C-alpha atoms as a PDB file:
ATOM      1  CA  MET A   1      -0.160  -0.248   0.092  1.00  0.00           C
ATOM      2  CA  VAL A   2       1.166   3.328  -0.850  1.00  0.00           C
ATOM      3  CA  ILE A   3      -0.616   6.774   0.342  1.00  0.00           C
ATOM      4  CA  ALA A   4      -0.272   9.355  -2.452  1.00  0.00           C
ATOM      5  CA  TYR A   5      -1.264  13.132  -1.911  1.00  0.00           C
ATOM      6  CA  ASN A   6      -2.081  14.802  -5.051  1.00  0.00           C
ATOM      7  CA  LYS A   7      -2.450  18.586  -5.836  1.00  0.00           C
ATOM      8  CA  TRP A   8       0.416  19.544  -3.630  1.00  0.00           C
ATOM      9  CA  ASP A   9       1.403  21.777  -5.945  1.00  0.00           C
ATOM     10  CA  LEU A  10      -1.664  24.109  -5.296  1.00  0.00           C
ATOM     11  CA  THR A  11      -0.193  24.279  -1.496  1.00  0.00           C
ATOM     12  CA  ASP A  12       1.615  26.793   0.006  1.00  0.00           C
ATOM     13  CA  GLU A  13       4.735  26.223   2.543  1.00  0.00           C
ATOM     14  CA  GLU A  14       2.854  26.878   5.714  1.00  0.00           C
ATOM     15  CA  ARG A  15      -0.005  24.443   4.592  1.00  0.00           C
ATOM     16  CA  ARG A  16       2.446  21.791   3.648  1.00  0.00           C
ATOM     17  CA  ARG A  17       3.788  21.677   6.907  1.00  0.00           C
ATOM     18  CA  TYR A  18       0.462  21.833   8.576  1.00  0.00           C
ATOM     19  CA  LEU A  19      -1.053  19.099   6.482  1.00  0.00           C
ATOM     20  CA  ASP A  20       2.393  16.670   6.923  1.00  0.00           C
ATOM     21  CA  ARG A  21       1.291  17.012  10.793  1.00  0.00           C
ATOM     22  CA  GLU A  22      -2.084  16.018  10.369  1.00  0.00           C
ATOM     23  CA  ILE A  23      -1.521  13.430   8.025  1.00  0.00           C
ATOM     24  CA  GLU A  24       1.240  12.157  10.421  1.00  0.00           C
ATOM     25  CA  ARG A  25      -1.438  12.189  13.341  1.00  0.00           C
ATOM     26  CA  ASP A  26      -4.279  10.813  11.316  1.00  0.00           C
ATOM     27  CA  LEU A  27      -2.771   8.127   9.491  1.00  0.00           C
ATOM     28  CA  ASN A  28      -0.396   6.664  12.137  1.00  0.00           C
ATOM     29  CA  ALA A  29      -2.315   3.400  12.175  1.00  0.00           C
ATOM     30  CA  TRP A  30      -0.691   2.984   8.724  1.00  0.00           C
ATOM     31  CA  ALA A  31       2.704   4.434   9.561  1.00  0.00           C
ATOM     32  CA  TRP A  32       3.968   1.162   7.720  1.00  0.00           C
ATOM     33  CA  ALA A  33       2.737   2.626   4.390  1.00  0.00           C
ATOM     34  CA  PRO A  34       4.970   4.827   2.295  1.00  0.00           C
ATOM     35  CA  SER A  35       3.498   8.256   1.457  1.00  0.00           C
ATOM     36  CA  VAL A  36       4.240  10.412  -1.264  1.00  0.00           C
ATOM     37  CA  ASN A  37       2.964  13.925  -1.984  1.00  0.00           C
ATOM     38  CA  ILE A  38       2.930  14.191  -5.861  1.00  0.00           C
ATOM     39  CA  SER A  39       1.227  16.690  -8.492  1.00  0.00           C
ATOM     40  CA  ALA A  40      -0.113  14.894 -11.409  1.00  0.00           C
ATOM     41  CA  LEU A  41      -0.386  17.965 -13.292  1.00  0.00           C
ATOM     42  CA  THR A  42       3.107  19.035 -12.890  1.00  0.00           C
ATOM     43  CA  GLY A  43       4.670  15.429 -12.553  1.00  0.00           C
ATOM     44  CA  ARG A  44       6.310  16.870  -9.147  1.00  0.00           C
ATOM     45  CA  ASN A  45       7.331  13.498  -7.174  1.00  0.00           C
ATOM     46  CA  VAL A  46       5.565  10.771  -9.651  1.00  0.00           C
ATOM     47  CA  ASP A  47       9.054   9.120  -9.888  1.00  0.00           C
ATOM     48  CA  ARG A  48       9.187   8.805  -6.076  1.00  0.00           C
ATOM     49  CA  LEU A  49       5.452   7.381  -6.555  1.00  0.00           C
ATOM     50  CA  SER A  50       6.576   4.334  -8.567  1.00  0.00           C
ATOM     51  CA  LYS A  51       9.709   3.534  -6.401  1.00  0.00           C
ATOM     52  CA  ALA A  52       7.400   3.435  -3.344  1.00  0.00           C
ATOM     53  CA  ILE A  53       5.176   1.132  -5.278  1.00  0.00           C
ATOM     54  CA  GLU A  54       8.015  -1.289  -5.847  1.00  0.00           C
ATOM     55  CA  LEU A  55       8.985  -1.163  -2.526  1.00  0.00           C
ATOM     56  CA  SER A  56       5.698  -1.999  -1.311  1.00  0.00           C
ATOM     57  CA  LEU A  57       5.503  -4.896  -3.582  1.00  0.00           C
ATOM     58  CA  ARG A  58       8.795  -6.115  -2.117  1.00  0.00           C
ATOM     59  CA  GLY A  59       7.173  -6.100   1.170  1.00  0.00           C
ATOM     60  CA  TRP A  60       3.939  -7.713  -0.268  1.00  0.00           C
ATOM     61  CA  GLU A  61       5.842 -10.498  -1.261  1.00  0.00           C
ATOM     62  CA  THR A  62       8.660 -11.100   1.504  1.00  0.00           C
ATOM     63  CA  ARG A  63       9.113 -14.425   2.543  1.00  0.00           C
ATOM     64  CA  VAL A  64      10.885 -15.290   6.004  1.00  0.00           C
ATOM     65  CA  THR A  65      12.045 -19.107   6.246  1.00  0.00           C
ATOM     66  CA  THR A  66      11.024 -20.911   9.482  1.00  0.00           C
ATOM     67  CA  GLY A  67      14.163 -21.104  11.169  1.00  0.00           C
ATOM     68  CA  GLN A  68      14.653 -17.319  10.619  1.00  0.00           C
ATOM     69  CA  LEU A  69      11.364 -16.496  11.972  1.00  0.00           C
ATOM     70  CA  ASN A  70      12.153 -18.841  15.178  1.00  0.00           C
ATOM     71  CA  SER A  71      15.502 -17.556  15.920  1.00  0.00           C
ATOM     72  CA  PHE A  72      13.922 -13.798  15.672  1.00  0.00           C
ATOM     73  CA  LEU A  73      10.856 -15.125  18.118  1.00  0.00           C
ATOM     74  CA  GLY A  74      13.516 -16.534  20.271  1.00  0.00           C
ATOM     75  CA  ARG A  75      15.386 -13.327  20.613  1.00  0.00           C
ATOM     76  CA  VAL A  76      12.470 -10.982  21.123  1.00  0.00           C
ATOM     77  CA  VAL A  77      10.893 -13.173  23.744  1.00  0.00           C
ATOM     78  CA  ALA A  78      13.890 -13.361  25.684  1.00  0.00           C
ATOM     79  CA  ALA A  79      14.817  -9.706  25.713  1.00  0.00           C
ATOM     80  CA  HIS A  80      10.667  -8.941  26.209  1.00  0.00           C
ATOM     81  CA  PRO A  81       8.723 -11.783  27.631  1.00  0.00           C
ATOM     82  CA  HIS A  82       5.113 -11.977  27.604  1.00  0.00           C
ATOM     83  CA  PRO A  83       3.198 -10.487  30.685  1.00  0.00           C
ATOM     84  CA  VAL A  84       1.869 -12.942  33.269  1.00  0.00           C
ATOM     85  CA  ARG A  85      -1.929 -12.938  33.302  1.00  0.00           C
ATOM     86  CA  GLY A  86      -3.691 -14.682  35.716  1.00  0.00           C
ATOM     87  CA  GLY A  87      -0.378 -16.494  37.296  1.00  0.00           C
ATOM     88  CA  LYS A  88       0.132 -18.197  33.695  1.00  0.00           C
ATOM     89  CA  GLN A  89       2.653 -17.006  31.035  1.00  0.00           C
ATOM     90  CA  PRO A  90       1.758 -17.871  27.645  1.00  0.00           C
ATOM     91  CA  ARG A  91       5.034 -19.192  25.534  1.00  0.00           C
ATOM     92  CA  ILE A  92       5.621 -18.768  21.614  1.00  0.00           C
ATOM     93  CA  LEU A  93       6.297 -22.394  21.155  1.00  0.00           C
ATOM     94  CA  PHE A  94       7.260 -21.741  17.132  1.00  0.00           C
ATOM     95  CA  GLY A  95       6.216 -19.568  14.502  1.00  0.00           C
ATOM     96  CA  THR A  96       5.942 -20.156  10.663  1.00  0.00           C
ATOM     97  CA  GLN A  97       4.941 -17.882   7.667  1.00  0.00           C
ATOM     98  CA  ALA A  98       2.069 -19.319   6.283  1.00  0.00           C
ATOM     99  CA  HIS A  99       1.438 -16.926   3.676  1.00  0.00           C
ATOM    100  CA  THR A 100       2.812 -14.091   1.312  1.00  0.00           C
ATOM    101  CA  ALA A 101       0.662 -11.246  -0.278  1.00  0.00           C
ATOM    102  CA  PRO A 102      -0.044 -10.432   2.224  1.00  0.00           C
ATOM    103  CA  PRO A 103       2.437 -11.653   4.681  1.00  0.00           C
ATOM    104  CA  THR A 104       1.249 -14.283   7.243  1.00  0.00           C
ATOM    105  CA  PHE A 105       2.277 -15.524  10.491  1.00  0.00           C
ATOM    106  CA  ALA A 106       1.101 -18.342  12.515  1.00  0.00           C
ATOM    107  CA  LEU A 107       2.386 -18.638  15.952  1.00  0.00           C
ATOM    108  CA  PHE A 108       1.776 -21.397  18.014  1.00  0.00           C
ATOM    109  CA  THR A 109       1.307 -20.707  21.766  1.00  0.00           C
ATOM    110  CA  SER A 110       1.070 -22.491  24.878  1.00  0.00           C
ATOM    111  CA  GLY A 111      -2.289 -19.789  25.614  1.00  0.00           C
ATOM    112  CA  GLN A 112      -3.935 -16.761  24.453  1.00  0.00           C
ATOM    113  CA  MET A 113      -1.601 -13.749  23.764  1.00  0.00           C
ATOM    114  CA  ASP A 114      -2.619  -9.920  24.722  1.00  0.00           C
ATOM    115  CA  PRO A 115      -3.390  -7.816  21.716  1.00  0.00           C
ATOM    116  CA  GLN A 116      -0.750  -5.577  22.461  1.00  0.00           C
ATOM    117  CA  TYR A 117       1.744  -8.134  22.656  1.00  0.00           C
ATOM    118  CA  VAL A 118       0.691  -9.364  19.230  1.00  0.00           C
ATOM    119  CA  ARG A 119       1.399  -5.671  18.123  1.00  0.00           C
ATOM    120  CA  PHE A 120       4.830  -5.281  19.930  1.00  0.00           C
ATOM    121  CA  ILE A 121       5.780  -8.774  17.625  1.00  0.00           C
ATOM    122  CA  GLU A 122       4.429  -7.229  14.591  1.00  0.00           C
ATOM    123  CA  ARG A 123       6.248  -3.795  15.012  1.00  0.00           C
ATOM    124  CA  ARG A 124       9.428  -6.148  15.727  1.00  0.00           C
ATOM    125  CA  LEU A 125       8.802  -8.036  12.596  1.00  0.00           C
ATOM    126  CA  ARG A 126       8.780  -4.538  10.585  1.00  0.00           C
ATOM    127  CA  GLU A 127      12.080  -3.470  12.230  1.00  0.00           C
ATOM    128  CA  GLU A 128      13.551  -6.861  11.708  1.00  0.00           C
ATOM    129  CA  PHE A 129      12.494  -8.082   8.020  1.00  0.00           C
ATOM    130  CA  GLY A 130      10.994  -4.347   6.353  1.00  0.00           C
ATOM    131  CA  PHE A 131       7.358  -5.210   5.155  1.00  0.00           C
ATOM    132  CA  THR A 132       7.331  -1.719   3.870  1.00  0.00           C
ATOM    133  CA  GLY A 133       3.941  -1.024   2.430  1.00  0.00           C
ATOM    134  CA  SER A 134       2.428  -3.938   3.139  1.00  0.00           C
ATOM    135  CA  PRO A 135      -0.181  -5.223   5.844  1.00  0.00           C
ATOM    136  CA  ILE A 136       1.154  -8.113   8.387  1.00  0.00           C
ATOM    137  CA  HIS A 137      -1.385 -10.523   9.498  1.00  0.00           C
ATOM    138  CA  ILE A 138      -0.751 -12.623  12.768  1.00  0.00           C
ATOM    139  CA  GLU A 139      -2.744 -15.615  13.637  1.00  0.00           C
ATOM    140  CA  VAL A 140      -2.112 -16.596  16.949  1.00  0.00           C
ATOM    141  CA  ARG A 141      -2.790 -20.727  17.474  1.00  0.00           C
ATOM    142  CA  ALA A 142      -3.301 -21.458  21.405  1.00  0.00           C
ATOM    143  CA  ARG A 143      -2.323 -25.173  21.757  1.00  0.00           C
ATOM    144  CA  ALA A 144      -5.491 -27.229  23.076  1.00  0.00           C
ATOM    145  CA  LYS A 145      -5.375 -27.903  26.970  1.00  0.00           C
ATOM    146  CA  ARG A 146      -4.018 -31.423  27.577  1.00  0.00           C
ATOM    147  CA  LYS A 147      -6.329 -33.948  29.140  1.00  0.00           C
ATOM    148  CA  ASP A 148      -4.897 -35.273  32.296  1.00  0.00           C
ATOM    149  CA  ARG A 149      -4.263 -39.114  31.791  1.00  0.00           C
END
């Protein structure tokens, strides 16, 4: 995904600064998507738009091997473990990338994980592997409780 703002040639410098702040504040949920201010009339920054699209397509098709992912998860969890809830701490047993386009990861865990921790993992995935311009889906699959034997 690339966010393009057209008609940028019609704004003065003060208005551009104001709009940049507004855009940054309002589109914080899509901070992973590159944005380009363009003018279709004058052709301003259209070359940057095509580069941003290429970058997003690379992020869309990025593949992380299971070994790389589990090594990454081990480092992240060791540095920042999931908080203890109700006397139990869910653990990530292993993870795998289930799909590309969009990148989808399956995390197999010992229990349900807090949504905040899943977002933390997503941010760290972006830092480590990129995924610029692409949404990331993370599916948490909690292991079923074992019956006493």
